[in-house]
């Protein structure tokens, strides 16, 4: 028996059954679902850090999309906030690393 206690993609139980194993699952809603999505974002970002592939980045983007929907955040609002932050603070293209701020 393997223990997981984590949010998984909707078809994972079906895949497990196809491998002649028995998944034990439950569903979450509301704030519990949103919290599980936040945990999943960290998990997927960690996996992308270890394997910076298109597949892993796709997983990160899938979780971000699910979070946006679960939190009912308008895509246009996200883009406006991104642009405002880019205008005010810039992006990450230059690779600037802040070592310290001296007084």
C-alpha atoms as a PDB file:
ATOM      1  CA  UNK A   1       0.000   0.000   0.000  1.00  0.00           C
ATOM      2  CA  UNK A   2       1.242   3.484  -0.913  1.00  0.00           C
ATOM      3  CA  UNK A   3      -0.087   6.594   0.874  1.00  0.00           C
ATOM      4  CA  UNK A   4      -0.414   9.921  -0.956  1.00  0.00           C
ATOM      5  CA  UNK A   5      -3.048  12.293   0.498  1.00  0.00           C
ATOM      6  CA  UNK A   6      -2.689  14.752  -2.376  1.00  0.00           C
ATOM      7  CA  UNK A   7      -4.816  16.260  -5.104  1.00  0.00           C
ATOM      8  CA  UNK A   8      -4.441  14.390  -8.384  1.00  0.00           C
ATOM      9  CA  UNK A   9      -5.765  14.783 -11.908  1.00  0.00           C
ATOM     10  CA  UNK A  10      -9.346  13.614 -12.355  1.00  0.00           C
ATOM     11  CA  UNK A  11      -8.520  10.516 -14.424  1.00  0.00           C
ATOM     12  CA  UNK A  12      -5.749   9.187 -12.144  1.00  0.00           C
ATOM     13  CA  UNK A  13      -8.110   6.771 -10.317  1.00  0.00           C
ATOM     14  CA  UNK A  14      -9.111   5.316 -13.699  1.00  0.00           C
ATOM     15  CA  UNK A  15      -5.450   4.871 -14.667  1.00  0.00           C
ATOM     16  CA  UNK A  16      -4.778   3.119 -11.352  1.00  0.00           C
ATOM     17  CA  UNK A  17      -7.718   0.734 -11.935  1.00  0.00           C
ATOM     18  CA  UNK A  18      -6.389  -0.017 -15.442  1.00  0.00           C
ATOM     19  CA  UNK A  19      -3.194  -1.171 -13.712  1.00  0.00           C
ATOM     20  CA  UNK A  20      -5.220  -3.669 -11.633  1.00  0.00           C
ATOM     21  CA  UNK A  21      -4.860  -1.620  -8.464  1.00  0.00           C
ATOM     22  CA  UNK A  22      -7.547  -0.090  -6.278  1.00  0.00           C
ATOM     23  CA  UNK A  23      -7.488   3.649  -5.638  1.00  0.00           C
ATOM     24  CA  UNK A  24      -9.007   4.968  -2.422  1.00  0.00           C
ATOM     25  CA  UNK A  25     -10.146   8.546  -2.965  1.00  0.00           C
ATOM     26  CA  UNK A  26     -12.372  11.297  -1.672  1.00  0.00           C
ATOM     27  CA  UNK A  27     -13.284  14.696  -3.064  1.00  0.00           C
ATOM     28  CA  UNK A  28     -12.824  18.126  -1.562  1.00  0.00           C
ATOM     29  CA  UNK A  29     -14.688  21.339  -2.211  1.00  0.00           C
ATOM     30  CA  UNK A  30     -14.579  24.978  -1.262  1.00  0.00           C
ATOM     31  CA  UNK A  31     -11.658  26.180   0.820  1.00  0.00           C
ATOM     32  CA  UNK A  32     -10.299  22.626   1.232  1.00  0.00           C
ATOM     33  CA  UNK A  33     -10.122  22.320  -2.574  1.00  0.00           C
ATOM     34  CA  UNK A  34      -8.435  25.709  -2.939  1.00  0.00           C
ATOM     35  CA  UNK A  35      -5.886  24.785  -0.255  1.00  0.00           C
ATOM     36  CA  UNK A  36      -5.141  21.479  -2.027  1.00  0.00           C
ATOM     37  CA  UNK A  37      -4.601  23.413  -5.267  1.00  0.00           C
ATOM     38  CA  UNK A  38      -2.111  25.713  -3.523  1.00  0.00           C
ATOM     39  CA  UNK A  39      -0.254  22.650  -2.227  1.00  0.00           C
ATOM     40  CA  UNK A  40      -0.323  21.156  -5.730  1.00  0.00           C
ATOM     41  CA  UNK A  41       1.174  24.336  -7.179  1.00  0.00           C
ATOM     42  CA  UNK A  42       4.171  24.026  -4.860  1.00  0.00           C
ATOM     43  CA  UNK A  43       4.502  20.319  -5.730  1.00  0.00           C
ATOM     44  CA  UNK A  44       4.419  20.968  -9.465  1.00  0.00           C
ATOM     45  CA  UNK A  45       6.800  23.938  -9.212  1.00  0.00           C
ATOM     46  CA  UNK A  46       9.234  21.734  -7.274  1.00  0.00           C
ATOM     47  CA  UNK A  47       8.982  19.066  -9.978  1.00  0.00           C
ATOM     48  CA  UNK A  48       9.614  21.709 -12.663  1.00  0.00           C
ATOM     49  CA  UNK A  49      12.663  22.919 -10.742  1.00  0.00           C
ATOM     50  CA  UNK A  50      14.071  19.380 -10.778  1.00  0.00           C
ATOM     51  CA  UNK A  51      13.078  18.764 -14.420  1.00  0.00           C
ATOM     52  CA  UNK A  52      12.625  22.027 -16.361  1.00  0.00           C
ATOM     53  CA  UNK A  53      10.747  20.372 -19.221  1.00  0.00           C
ATOM     54  CA  UNK A  54       7.734  21.404 -21.262  1.00  0.00           C
ATOM     55  CA  UNK A  55       5.712  18.627 -19.616  1.00  0.00           C
ATOM     56  CA  UNK A  56       6.470  19.825 -16.090  1.00  0.00           C
ATOM     57  CA  UNK A  57       5.815  23.462 -17.002  1.00  0.00           C
ATOM     58  CA  UNK A  58       2.519  22.342 -18.529  1.00  0.00           C
ATOM     59  CA  UNK A  59       1.601  20.760 -15.197  1.00  0.00           C
ATOM     60  CA  UNK A  60       2.347  24.062 -13.430  1.00  0.00           C
ATOM     61  CA  UNK A  61       0.163  25.943 -15.918  1.00  0.00           C
ATOM     62  CA  UNK A  62      -2.690  23.423 -15.499  1.00  0.00           C
ATOM     63  CA  UNK A  63      -2.648  23.980 -11.740  1.00  0.00           C
ATOM     64  CA  UNK A  64      -2.497  27.765 -12.184  1.00  0.00           C
ATOM     65  CA  UNK A  65      -5.531  27.574 -14.492  1.00  0.00           C
ATOM     66  CA  UNK A  66      -7.431  25.475 -11.941  1.00  0.00           C
ATOM     67  CA  UNK A  67      -6.544  27.953  -9.181  1.00  0.00           C
ATOM     68  CA  UNK A  68      -7.695  30.890 -11.306  1.00  0.00           C
ATOM     69  CA  UNK A  69     -11.018  29.158 -11.903  1.00  0.00           C
ATOM     70  CA  UNK A  70     -11.472  28.019  -8.289  1.00  0.00           C
ATOM     71  CA  UNK A  71     -10.692  31.500  -7.001  1.00  0.00           C
ATOM     72  CA  UNK A  72     -12.917  33.039  -9.727  1.00  0.00           C
ATOM     73  CA  UNK A  73     -10.153  35.399 -10.804  1.00  0.00           C
ATOM     74  CA  UNK A  74     -10.755  36.892 -14.236  1.00  0.00           C
ATOM     75  CA  UNK A  75      -7.993  36.146 -16.767  1.00  0.00           C
ATOM     76  CA  UNK A  76      -8.103  39.754 -17.940  1.00  0.00           C
ATOM     77  CA  UNK A  77      -7.535  40.973 -14.393  1.00  0.00           C
ATOM     78  CA  UNK A  78      -4.492  38.730 -14.062  1.00  0.00           C
ATOM     79  CA  UNK A  79      -3.050  40.099 -17.298  1.00  0.00           C
ATOM     80  CA  UNK A  80      -3.687  43.708 -16.218  1.00  0.00           C
ATOM     81  CA  UNK A  81      -1.952  43.059 -12.876  1.00  0.00           C
ATOM     82  CA  UNK A  82       0.983  41.401 -14.666  1.00  0.00           C
ATOM     83  CA  UNK A  83       1.381  44.333 -17.050  1.00  0.00           C
ATOM     84  CA  UNK A  84       1.191  46.857 -14.211  1.00  0.00           C
ATOM     85  CA  UNK A  85       3.890  45.005 -12.289  1.00  0.00           C
ATOM     86  CA  UNK A  86       6.034  44.749 -15.421  1.00  0.00           C
ATOM     87  CA  UNK A  87       5.678  48.487 -15.989  1.00  0.00           C
ATOM     88  CA  UNK A  88       6.498  49.329 -12.380  1.00  0.00           C
ATOM     89  CA  UNK A  89       9.189  46.761 -11.517  1.00  0.00           C
ATOM     90  CA  UNK A  90      10.180  45.137 -14.804  1.00  0.00           C
ATOM     91  CA  UNK A  91      10.316  41.445 -15.670  1.00  0.00           C
ATOM     92  CA  UNK A  92      12.964  38.774 -15.192  1.00  0.00           C
ATOM     93  CA  UNK A  93      14.714  38.872 -18.567  1.00  0.00           C
ATOM     94  CA  UNK A  94      17.946  40.491 -17.318  1.00  0.00           C
ATOM     95  CA  UNK A  95      18.705  37.876 -14.646  1.00  0.00           C
ATOM     96  CA  UNK A  96      19.213  40.451 -11.870  1.00  0.00           C
ATOM     97  CA  UNK A  97      20.024  38.876  -8.480  1.00  0.00           C
ATOM     98  CA  UNK A  98      19.733  41.115  -5.399  1.00  0.00           C
ATOM     99  CA  UNK A  99      22.550  40.268  -3.012  1.00  0.00           C
ATOM    100  CA  UNK A 100      21.818  42.824  -0.315  1.00  0.00           C
ATOM    101  CA  UNK A 101      20.702  46.358   0.374  1.00  0.00           C
ATOM    102  CA  UNK A 102      23.241  48.424   2.266  1.00  0.00           C
ATOM    103  CA  UNK A 103      22.308  51.388   4.443  1.00  0.00           C
END
